[in-house]
Amino acid sequence: MTSRWRVLAVVLAVLAPALTACGGSTSPAPPSPSDSADHGAAPPDLSLGESEPVADPFYPEFGNPDIDVLHYGLDLSYEPRTRTLRGSATLTIRPVVDGSELALDFAQPMDVSTVTVDGVVAPHDHQQYDLMIETAVESGAEVTVTIEYSGVPQRVPAPSERGDMSMGIGATTDPDTGALWSFQEPYGALTWYPVNDHPSDEALYDITLTVPDGYSGVASGSFVGQDGNTFLWTSKDPVASYLTTIAVDQYELTELTGPNDLPITLWTLPGYADFMPVLEQMPEMIEWLEQRYGPYPFDSAGVVLVGGESAMETQEIITFSGDFINTPGLGPDYVAGVLVHELAHQWFGNAVTLQDWSHLWLNEGAATYIEQMWNIDRGFAEEEDVVNGWTLDDGFLRADYGPPGAADPEAFAASNSYVCPALMLYHLRERLGGAEAVDEMLAAWVEAFNNQSATRDDFVEFVNQHTGEDLTSFIDEWLDSPHTPQR
């Protein structure tokens, strides 16, 4: 997720002319016929969907460590006129303990009509954010749960002081246009589908989204194609629930080709035409990232433009507020940096996911560091100005929100989780011999923990083994000190 941290004394230059991407084409979403009948069915091999869920120390009321969801098959339809979402969610679940019920996260006012377990109707109780299903389960014995539901999605309160979360998180419907979109970190997927809403439980996804004529249905994952008015999406790599997305609007689709023939889809709206020169740089951005951090981790990349005031690293399809381009004081250079930030998350946060929300700095520190290295490399910022801005901000942020290793759960995604660990990575260069050594270490981190959840202890142990030095005290000081470490 992008941050609203203050970079003091940094003046970004005008963005370089946009590059023309190879193979680019723009058109309404193409009618690419595809057999959608079995699209939502669970694939035969669910091993990549296996996780070791944990209880969250920050938000224990969300997520259920007693179950491991292996696959979500979401068959959805959305009517913009009434803002009604209808869904049939089929979850393949591996219970971790024996029990007499299954608990999922699912927010009212979405209304559950029917629940079945292995084809048999099961009693259920739906209260506020919890869906309790009465059924006997055994540890390790997979069950298939299907939930039929409908309603007008509503956001839930966010545990944050950030302005872009002030109205809540989760699925949003525009009362004027009927458009639908979602920003849902740290929890908020529960506003539009029943889910084990915790990053430690990653799963495979297949999503179909049916919309009226003239609309497109966008979701996280790779775009499989279109069967009439039904849009098909799949995620062959495991996805944390906060990294899923949904968007419905009158989109135009632009298709680009990235490095190694990577398919890139841009879902845009005519009112945001000024975005296109930035979005069309995605092949170049991905190539720049690959040179430093290894191959792009997934089968596709893309962006969907939505309302709101944020940007989110949703897996394979980044969710990006179109209002960024029209915000006074911002511009194409700022938007390009934010896009690189969210692309960097595909490696740092998506390929390697935090195990629980106390480790947010693992994701955001790397993405913030990489975003500014891009700006410096492209001449949009001076290195001295960036580091001086980070250093000044670091002191204020530790005083206001605590050190990044002991962040305040009620101030989720405050800038201490972004700036302070980014500055740590910068100063780590002095210990390791330069920027290339840090890039090499980060690339090795992704390779070692790809498609896994990670913790602070994992990171410290990895850095020590990779470097051959005991850097525990260095990392601990940067993560735990109430004041900026002196370097």
Foldseek 3Di string as FASTA:
>chain_A
DDAPDDQPPWFFDDFDFFDFFPPKDWFAADADADDCPCQLPDDPDLVLQDFQADQFPLCNVAFDRQKFWREWRWEWEAELVVLKIWIKIKTKMAGQAWDQKDKWFAAPPKDWDFKDKQRHTWDWDDDGGIIITGHTDHHGDIIIMIITIMDRFDFDQALAPDPLQHRHFAWDADPPRSKIKGQAPPHHLNRRDTHRQFQRRWYWYKYKYAYDPQKAKDKAADFPRHRPRITIHTFPHTWHSSLMMIIMDNWMWMWGAAPPRAIEIETDDPVLVQCVSLQSCVNVLQVVLCVQQNHQQGRHAYEYEDDTDDWALRHRYTYHHSCQCVDPPHHSLNVNLVVSLSSVLSLFPTQENASHQLALLSRQLVSLLRSVVVSCVSRRTPPVSSLVSLQVSLLVCCQVANASNDGNSSHRPHCNSHSLSNNLLVVVCVVQPHDSRSSVLNSVVSVVQGSHHDDPVRVQVSVCVVRVHNCVVSVCCSRHPSGRDDD
